[in-house]
Amino acid sequence: MAKAIVGRMAIGETHVVRPEHLVAFHNAARRLGLRLATTSFRREGAMRHRIVRVALEWRQDGRAMMRLPRRHRTAGRFMAAA
């Protein structure tokens, strides 16, 4: 199912997914040669992730990087502040 959804997404299109499905969507995008960016948020107390299809040449730097969650947050783990 994830592969079909990701395959039909246009650049800039978004979908909201549950945390347990996030890895499946990223794997589907990788297999199709596409790239996704994610941000996490809470809806009615439950954690959700918004996936956005981005261009292949898109780089995670500058302001765009600040707007994305840290890698450990997308995996559902929170690291202690150093």
PDB file of N, CA and C in Angstrom:
ATOM      1  N   MET A   1       0.815  -1.182   0.000  1.00  0.00           N
ATOM      2  CA  MET A   1       0.000   0.000   0.000  1.00  0.00           C
ATOM      3  C   MET A   1       0.867   1.257   0.000  1.00  0.00           C
ATOM      4  N   ALA A   2       1.930   1.264   0.778  1.00  0.00           N
ATOM      5  CA  ALA A   2       2.794   2.443   0.859  1.00  0.00           C
ATOM      6  C   ALA A   2       3.425   2.749  -0.495  1.00  0.00           C
ATOM      7  N   LYS A   3       3.822   1.705  -1.215  1.00  0.00           N
ATOM      8  CA  LYS A   3       4.465   1.906  -2.512  1.00  0.00           C
ATOM      9  C   LYS A   3       3.500   2.554  -3.504  1.00  0.00           C
ATOM     10  N   ALA A   4       2.235   2.161  -3.476  1.00  0.00           N
ATOM     11  CA  ALA A   4       1.241   2.744  -4.378  1.00  0.00           C
ATOM     12  C   ALA A   4       0.981   4.210  -4.038  1.00  0.00           C
ATOM     13  N   ILE A   5       0.902   4.523  -2.753  1.00  0.00           N
ATOM     14  CA  ILE A   5       0.648   5.906  -2.330  1.00  0.00           C
ATOM     15  C   ILE A   5       1.826   6.795  -2.682  1.00  0.00           C
ATOM     16  N   VAL A   6       3.035   6.350  -2.361  1.00  0.00           N
ATOM     17  CA  VAL A   6       4.230   7.153  -2.636  1.00  0.00           C
ATOM     18  C   VAL A   6       4.421   7.329  -4.139  1.00  0.00           C
ATOM     19  N   GLY A   7       4.135   6.302  -4.917  1.00  0.00           N
ATOM     20  CA  GLY A   7       4.283   6.383  -6.364  1.00  0.00           C
ATOM     21  C   GLY A   7       3.373   7.414  -7.012  1.00  0.00           C
ATOM     22  N   ARG A   8       2.216   7.679  -6.407  1.00  0.00           N
ATOM     23  CA  ARG A   8       1.269   8.654  -6.959  1.00  0.00           C
ATOM     24  C   ARG A   8       1.465  10.061  -6.422  1.00  0.00           C
ATOM     25  N   MET A   9       2.329  10.231  -5.428  1.00  0.00           N
ATOM     26  CA  MET A   9       2.525  11.560  -4.835  1.00  0.00           C
ATOM     27  C   MET A   9       3.290  12.470  -5.791  1.00  0.00           C
ATOM     28  N   ALA A  10       2.810  13.706  -5.931  1.00  0.00           N
ATOM     29  CA  ALA A  10       3.521  14.720  -6.709  1.00  0.00           C
ATOM     30  C   ALA A  10       4.475  15.458  -5.776  1.00  0.00           C
ATOM     31  N   ILE A  11       5.462  16.140  -6.330  1.00  0.00           N
ATOM     32  CA  ILE A  11       6.397  16.903  -5.503  1.00  0.00           C
ATOM     33  C   ILE A  11       5.626  17.978  -4.751  1.00  0.00           C
ATOM     34  N   GLY A  12       5.831  18.022  -3.445  1.00  0.00           N
ATOM     35  CA  GLY A  12       5.144  18.980  -2.592  1.00  0.00           C
ATOM     36  C   GLY A  12       3.860  18.453  -1.985  1.00  0.00           C
ATOM     37  N   GLU A  13       3.384  17.305  -2.438  1.00  0.00           N
ATOM     38  CA  GLU A  13       2.152  16.724  -1.893  1.00  0.00           C
ATOM     39  C   GLU A  13       2.449  16.097  -0.534  1.00  0.00           C
ATOM     40  N   THR A  14       1.495  16.181   0.381  1.00  0.00           N
ATOM     41  CA  THR A  14       1.696  15.662   1.733  1.00  0.00           C
ATOM     42  C   THR A  14       0.656  14.605   2.069  1.00  0.00           C
ATOM     43  N   HIS A  15       1.026  13.733   2.995  1.00  0.00           N
ATOM     44  CA  HIS A  15       0.125  12.736   3.571  1.00  0.00           C
ATOM     45  C   HIS A  15       0.462  12.624   5.048  1.00  0.00           C
ATOM     46  N   VAL A  16      -0.534  12.302   5.853  1.00  0.00           N
ATOM     47  CA  VAL A  16      -0.338  12.103   7.289  1.00  0.00           C
ATOM     48  C   VAL A  16      -0.364  10.607   7.558  1.00  0.00           C
ATOM     49  N   VAL A  17       0.663  10.110   8.274  1.00  0.00           N
ATOM     50  CA  VAL A  17       0.757   8.681   8.568  1.00  0.00           C
ATOM     51  C   VAL A  17       1.027   8.475  10.053  1.00  0.00           C
ATOM     52  N   ARG A  18       0.712   7.295  10.519  1.00  0.00           N
ATOM     53  CA  ARG A  18       1.009   6.912  11.901  1.00  0.00           C
ATOM     54  C   ARG A  18       2.483   6.537  12.001  1.00  0.00           C
ATOM     55  N   PRO A  19       3.055   6.649  13.201  1.00  0.00           N
ATOM     56  CA  PRO A  19       4.489   6.345  13.353  1.00  0.00           C
ATOM     57  C   PRO A  19       4.874   4.928  12.933  1.00  0.00           C
ATOM     58  N   GLU A  20       3.997   3.958  13.161  1.00  0.00           N
ATOM     59  CA  GLU A  20       4.352   2.579  12.824  1.00  0.00           C
ATOM     60  C   GLU A  20       4.427   2.337  11.316  1.00  0.00           C
ATOM     61  N   HIS A  21       3.865   3.239  10.502  1.00  0.00           N
ATOM     62  CA  HIS A  21       3.910   3.086   9.049  1.00  0.00           C
ATOM     63  C   HIS A  21       4.998   3.932   8.394  1.00  0.00           C
ATOM     64  N   LEU A  22       5.684   4.753   9.161  1.00  0.00           N
ATOM     65  CA  LEU A  22       6.656   5.687   8.601  1.00  0.00           C
ATOM     66  C   LEU A  22       7.795   4.975   7.875  1.00  0.00           C
ATOM     67  N   VAL A  23       8.330   3.922   8.464  1.00  0.00           N
ATOM     68  CA  VAL A  23       9.449   3.198   7.854  1.00  0.00           C
ATOM     69  C   VAL A  23       9.024   2.573   6.526  1.00  0.00           C
ATOM     70  N   ALA A  24       7.803   2.055   6.457  1.00  0.00           N
ATOM     71  CA  ALA A  24       7.319   1.457   5.210  1.00  0.00           C
ATOM     72  C   ALA A  24       7.258   2.497   4.094  1.00  0.00           C
ATOM     73  N   PHE A  25       6.844   3.719   4.413  1.00  0.00           N
ATOM     74  CA  PHE A  25       6.771   4.771   3.398  1.00  0.00           C
ATOM     75  C   PHE A  25       8.166   5.189   2.935  1.00  0.00           C
ATOM     76  N   HIS A  26       9.115   5.302   3.862  1.00  0.00           N
ATOM     77  CA  HIS A  26      10.482   5.662   3.471  1.00  0.00           C
ATOM     78  C   HIS A  26      11.120   4.554   2.632  1.00  0.00           C
ATOM     79  N   ASN A  27      10.881   3.305   2.998  1.00  0.00           N
ATOM     80  CA  ASN A  27      11.418   2.190   2.212  1.00  0.00           C
ATOM     81  C   ASN A  27      10.814   2.162   0.812  1.00  0.00           C
ATOM     82  N   ALA A  28       9.512   2.416   0.715  1.00  0.00           N
ATOM     83  CA  ALA A  28       8.855   2.442  -0.595  1.00  0.00           C
ATOM     84  C   ALA A  28       9.429   3.556  -1.461  1.00  0.00           C
ATOM     85  N   ALA A  29       9.654   4.717  -0.873  1.00  0.00           N
ATOM     86  CA  ALA A  29      10.223   5.836  -1.625  1.00  0.00           C
ATOM     87  C   ALA A  29      11.632   5.500  -2.116  1.00  0.00           C
ATOM     88  N   ARG A  30      12.418   4.875  -1.254  1.00  0.00           N
ATOM     89  CA  ARG A  30      13.782   4.513  -1.643  1.00  0.00           C
ATOM     90  C   ARG A  30      13.770   3.515  -2.800  1.00  0.00           C
ATOM     91  N   ARG A  31      12.878   2.534  -2.747  1.00  0.00           N
ATOM     92  CA  ARG A  31      12.795   1.536  -3.821  1.00  0.00           C
ATOM     93  C   ARG A  31      12.345   2.153  -5.143  1.00  0.00           C
ATOM     94  N   LEU A  32      11.518   3.198  -5.066  1.00  0.00           N
ATOM     95  CA  LEU A  32      11.051   3.877  -6.279  1.00  0.00           C
ATOM     96  C   LEU A  32      12.014   4.965  -6.742  1.00  0.00           C
ATOM     97  N   GLY A  33      13.075   5.207  -5.981  1.00  0.00           N
ATOM     98  CA  GLY A  33      14.038   6.242  -6.339  1.00  0.00           C
ATOM     99  C   GLY A  33      13.548   7.640  -6.024  1.00  0.00           C
ATOM    100  N   LEU A  34      12.667   7.769  -5.031  1.00  0.00           N
ATOM    101  CA  LEU A  34      12.111   9.059  -4.636  1.00  0.00           C
ATOM    102  C   LEU A  34      12.637   9.452  -3.265  1.00  0.00           C
ATOM    103  N   ARG A  35      12.360  10.677  -2.862  1.00  0.00           N
ATOM    104  CA  ARG A  35      12.815  11.153  -1.558  1.00  0.00           C
ATOM    105  C   ARG A  35      11.640  11.769  -0.803  1.00  0.00           C
ATOM    106  N   LEU A  36      11.541  11.436   0.487  1.00  0.00           N
ATOM    107  CA  LEU A  36      10.505  11.984   1.361  1.00  0.00           C
ATOM    108  C   LEU A  36      11.149  12.758   2.504  1.00  0.00           C
ATOM    109  N   ALA A  37      10.471  13.789   2.962  1.00  0.00           N
ATOM    110  CA  ALA A  37      10.848  14.502   4.182  1.00  0.00           C
ATOM    111  C   ALA A  37       9.691  14.336   5.158  1.00  0.00           C
ATOM    112  N   THR A  38       9.989  14.306   6.450  1.00  0.00           N
ATOM    113  CA  THR A  38       8.934  14.109   7.444  1.00  0.00           C
ATOM    114  C   THR A  38       9.009  15.157   8.536  1.00  0.00           C
ATOM    115  N   THR A  39       7.857  15.464   9.089  1.00  0.00           N
ATOM    116  CA  THR A  39       7.773  16.272  10.305  1.00  0.00           C
ATOM    117  C   THR A  39       6.778  15.588  11.225  1.00  0.00           C
ATOM    118  N   SER A  40       7.033  15.655  12.511  1.00  0.00           N
ATOM    119  CA  SER A  40       6.135  15.015  13.470  1.00  0.00           C
ATOM    120  C   SER A  40       5.275  16.069  14.159  1.00  0.00           C
ATOM    121  N   PHE A  41       4.086  15.661  14.549  1.00  0.00           N
ATOM    122  CA  PHE A  41       3.175  16.545  15.272  1.00  0.00           C
ATOM    123  C   PHE A  41       2.196  15.676  16.039  1.00  0.00           C
ATOM    124  N   ARG A  42       1.433  16.307  16.899  1.00  0.00           N
ATOM    125  CA  ARG A  42       0.418  15.584  17.671  1.00  0.00           C
ATOM    126  C   ARG A  42      -0.968  16.002  17.215  1.00  0.00           C
ATOM    127  N   ARG A  43      -1.826  15.008  17.053  1.00  0.00           N
ATOM    128  CA  ARG A  43      -3.224  15.260  16.698  1.00  0.00           C
ATOM    129  C   ARG A  43      -4.086  14.498  17.701  1.00  0.00           C
ATOM    130  N   GLU A  44      -4.864  15.239  18.480  1.00  0.00           N
ATOM    131  CA  GLU A  44      -5.731  14.660  19.511  1.00  0.00           C
ATOM    132  C   GLU A  44      -4.938  13.762  20.453  1.00  0.00           C
ATOM    133  N   GLY A  45      -3.744  14.184  20.808  1.00  0.00           N
ATOM    134  CA  GLY A  45      -2.904  13.454  21.751  1.00  0.00           C
ATOM    135  C   GLY A  45      -2.089  12.325  21.153  1.00  0.00           C
ATOM    136  N   ALA A  46      -2.314  11.977  19.901  1.00  0.00           N
ATOM    137  CA  ALA A  46      -1.583  10.881  19.263  1.00  0.00           C
ATOM    138  C   ALA A  46      -0.511  11.444  18.335  1.00  0.00           C
ATOM    139  N   MET A  47       0.648  10.789  18.323  1.00  0.00           N
ATOM    140  CA  MET A  47       1.741  11.212  17.461  1.00  0.00           C
ATOM    141  C   MET A  47       1.428  10.845  16.014  1.00  0.00           C
ATOM    142  N   ARG A  48       1.658  11.781  15.114  1.00  0.00           N
ATOM    143  CA  ARG A  48       1.480  11.568  13.682  1.00  0.00           C
ATOM    144  C   ARG A  48       2.697  12.133  12.956  1.00  0.00           C
ATOM    145  N   HIS A  49       2.921  11.682  11.740  1.00  0.00           N
ATOM    146  CA  HIS A  49       4.008  12.197  10.913  1.00  0.00           C
ATOM    147  C   HIS A  49       3.431  12.669   9.592  1.00  0.00           C
ATOM    148  N   ARG A  50       3.865  13.833   9.165  1.00  0.00           N
ATOM    149  CA  ARG A  50       3.468  14.364   7.863  1.00  0.00           C
ATOM    150  C   ARG A  50       4.621  14.089   6.907  1.00  0.00           C
ATOM    151  N   ILE A  51       4.361  13.322   5.851  1.00  0.00           N
ATOM    152  CA  ILE A  51       5.397  13.044   4.861  1.00  0.00           C
ATOM    153  C   ILE A  51       5.165  13.955   3.664  1.00  0.00           C
ATOM    154  N   VAL A  52       6.254  14.456   3.107  1.00  0.00           N
ATOM    155  CA  VAL A  52       6.211  15.352   1.962  1.00  0.00           C
ATOM    156  C   VAL A  52       7.165  14.804   0.914  1.00  0.00           C
ATOM    157  N   ARG A  53       6.702  14.684  -0.321  1.00  0.00           N
ATOM    158  CA  ARG A  53       7.614  14.269  -1.390  1.00  0.00           C
ATOM    159  C   ARG A  53       8.408  15.487  -1.825  1.00  0.00           C
ATOM    160  N   VAL A  54       9.715  15.344  -1.853  1.00  0.00           N
ATOM    161  CA  VAL A  54      10.603  16.437  -2.234  1.00  0.00           C
ATOM    162  C   VAL A  54      11.423  16.009  -3.442  1.00  0.00           C
ATOM    163  N   ALA A  55      12.005  16.985  -4.122  1.00  0.00           N
ATOM    164  CA  ALA A  55      12.820  16.709  -5.304  1.00  0.00           C
ATOM    165  C   ALA A  55      14.079  15.946  -4.904  1.00  0.00           C
ATOM    166  N   LEU A  56      14.611  15.165  -5.818  1.00  0.00           N
ATOM    167  CA  LEU A  56      15.799  14.366  -5.519  1.00  0.00           C
ATOM    168  C   LEU A  56      17.009  15.227  -5.199  1.00  0.00           C
ATOM    169  N   GLU A  57      17.112  16.409  -5.796  1.00  0.00           N
ATOM    170  CA  GLU A  57      18.272  17.265  -5.539  1.00  0.00           C
ATOM    171  C   GLU A  57      18.110  18.098  -4.271  1.00  0.00           C
ATOM    172  N   TRP A  58      16.985  17.934  -3.562  1.00  0.00           N
ATOM    173  CA  TRP A  58      16.738  18.684  -2.327  1.00  0.00           C
ATOM    174  C   TRP A  58      17.729  18.252  -1.260  1.00  0.00           C
ATOM    175  N   ARG A  59      18.340  19.225  -0.602  1.00  0.00           N
ATOM    176  CA  ARG A  59      19.329  18.924   0.438  1.00  0.00           C
ATOM    177  C   ARG A  59      18.808  19.394   1.780  1.00  0.00           C
ATOM    178  N   GLN A  60      19.165  18.681   2.812  1.00  0.00           N
ATOM    179  CA  GLN A  60      18.736  19.050   4.158  1.00  0.00           C
ATOM    180  C   GLN A  60      19.768  19.983   4.771  1.00  0.00           C
ATOM    181  N   ASP A  61      19.676  21.248   4.438  1.00  0.00           N
ATOM    182  CA  ASP A  61      20.600  22.205   5.024  1.00  0.00           C
ATOM    183  C   ASP A  61      19.865  23.515   5.280  1.00  0.00           C
ATOM    184  N   GLY A  62      20.483  24.357   6.048  1.00  0.00           N
ATOM    185  CA  GLY A  62      19.931  25.675   6.314  1.00  0.00           C
ATOM    186  C   GLY A  62      18.570  25.636   6.968  1.00  0.00           C
ATOM    187  N   ARG A  63      17.689  26.488   6.496  1.00  0.00           N
ATOM    188  CA  ARG A  63      16.370  26.622   7.105  1.00  0.00           C
ATOM    189  C   ARG A  63      15.529  25.349   6.964  1.00  0.00           C
ATOM    190  N   ALA A  64      15.658  24.664   5.844  1.00  0.00           N
ATOM    191  CA  ALA A  64      14.886  23.439   5.649  1.00  0.00           C
ATOM    192  C   ALA A  64      15.247  22.398   6.701  1.00  0.00           C
ATOM    193  N   MET A  65      16.519  22.297   7.049  1.00  0.00           N
ATOM    194  CA  MET A  65      16.945  21.329   8.051  1.00  0.00           C
ATOM    195  C   MET A  65      16.360  21.660   9.414  1.00  0.00           C
ATOM    196  N   MET A  66      16.255  22.943   9.738  1.00  0.00           N
ATOM    197  CA  MET A  66      15.727  23.333  11.043  1.00  0.00           C
ATOM    198  C   MET A  66      14.243  22.988  11.157  1.00  0.00           C
ATOM    199  N   ARG A  67      13.538  22.880  10.053  1.00  0.00           N
ATOM    200  CA  ARG A  67      12.106  22.601  10.091  1.00  0.00           C
ATOM    201  C   ARG A  67      11.789  21.107  10.137  1.00  0.00           C
ATOM    202  N   LEU A  68      12.796  20.255   9.985  1.00  0.00           N
ATOM    203  CA  LEU A  68      12.588  18.813  10.033  1.00  0.00           C
ATOM    204  C   LEU A  68      12.950  18.275  11.411  1.00  0.00           C
ATOM    205  N   PRO A  69      12.316  17.191  11.828  1.00  0.00           N
ATOM    206  CA  PRO A  69      12.668  16.612  13.122  1.00  0.00           C
ATOM    207  C   PRO A  69      14.042  15.959  13.067  1.00  0.00           C
ATOM    208  N   ARG A  70      14.665  15.819  14.218  1.00  0.00           N
ATOM    209  CA  ARG A  70      15.938  15.104  14.272  1.00  0.00           C
ATOM    210  C   ARG A  70      15.699  13.642  13.954  1.00  0.00           C
ATOM    211  N   ARG A  71      16.727  12.979  13.474  1.00  0.00           N
ATOM    212  CA  ARG A  71      16.588  11.599  13.028  1.00  0.00           C
ATOM    213  C   ARG A  71      16.043  10.691  14.130  1.00  0.00           C
ATOM    214  N   HIS A  72      16.506  10.881  15.375  1.00  0.00           N
ATOM    215  CA  HIS A  72      16.034  10.011  16.451  1.00  0.00           C
ATOM    216  C   HIS A  72      14.563  10.250  16.757  1.00  0.00           C
ATOM    217  N   ARG A  73      14.028  11.438  16.466  1.00  0.00           N
ATOM    218  CA  ARG A  73      12.602  11.688  16.694  1.00  0.00           C
ATOM    219  C   ARG A  73      11.743  10.992  15.655  1.00  0.00           C
ATOM    220  N   THR A  74      12.212  10.880  14.421  1.00  0.00           N
ATOM    221  CA  THR A  74      11.420  10.186  13.407  1.00  0.00           C
ATOM    222  C   THR A  74      11.368   8.697  13.698  1.00  0.00           C
ATOM    223  N   ALA A  75      12.352   8.181  14.425  1.00  0.00           N
ATOM    224  CA  ALA A  75      12.354   6.770  14.789  1.00  0.00           C
ATOM    225  C   ALA A  75      11.553   6.523  16.061  1.00  0.00           C
ATOM    226  N   GLY A  76      11.060   7.599  16.680  1.00  0.00           N
ATOM    227  CA  GLY A  76      10.272   7.441  17.892  1.00  0.00           C
ATOM    228  C   GLY A  76      11.098   7.432  19.161  1.00  0.00           C
ATOM    229  N   ARG A  77      12.392   7.719  19.055  1.00  0.00           N
ATOM    230  CA  ARG A  77      13.259   7.728  20.238  1.00  0.00           C
ATOM    231  C   ARG A  77      13.709   9.154  20.523  1.00  0.00           C
ATOM    232  N   PHE A  78      13.760   9.511  21.782  1.00  0.00           N
ATOM    233  CA  PHE A  78      14.210  10.837  22.173  1.00  0.00           C
ATOM    234  C   PHE A  78      15.504  10.690  22.965  1.00  0.00           C
ATOM    235  N   MET A  79      16.552  11.350  22.496  1.00  0.00           N
ATOM    236  CA  MET A  79      17.850  11.256  23.159  1.00  0.00           C
ATOM    237  C   MET A  79      17.964  12.344  24.211  1.00  0.00           C
ATOM    238  N   ALA A  80      18.700  12.052  25.253  1.00  0.00           N
ATOM    239  CA  ALA A  80      18.908  13.030  26.321  1.00  0.00           C
ATOM    240  C   ALA A  80      19.778  14.168  25.809  1.00  0.00           C
ATOM    241  N   ALA A  81      19.514  15.358  26.299  1.00  0.00           N
ATOM    242  CA  ALA A  81      20.316  16.518  25.896  1.00  0.00           C
ATOM    243  C   ALA A  81      21.729  16.365  26.431  1.00  0.00           C
ATOM    244  N   ALA A  82      22.695  16.681  25.608  1.00  0.00           N
ATOM    245  CA  ALA A  82      24.103  16.532  26.018  1.00  0.00           C
ATOM    246  C   ALA A  82      24.621  17.810  26.620  1.00  0.00           C
TER     247      ALA A  82
END
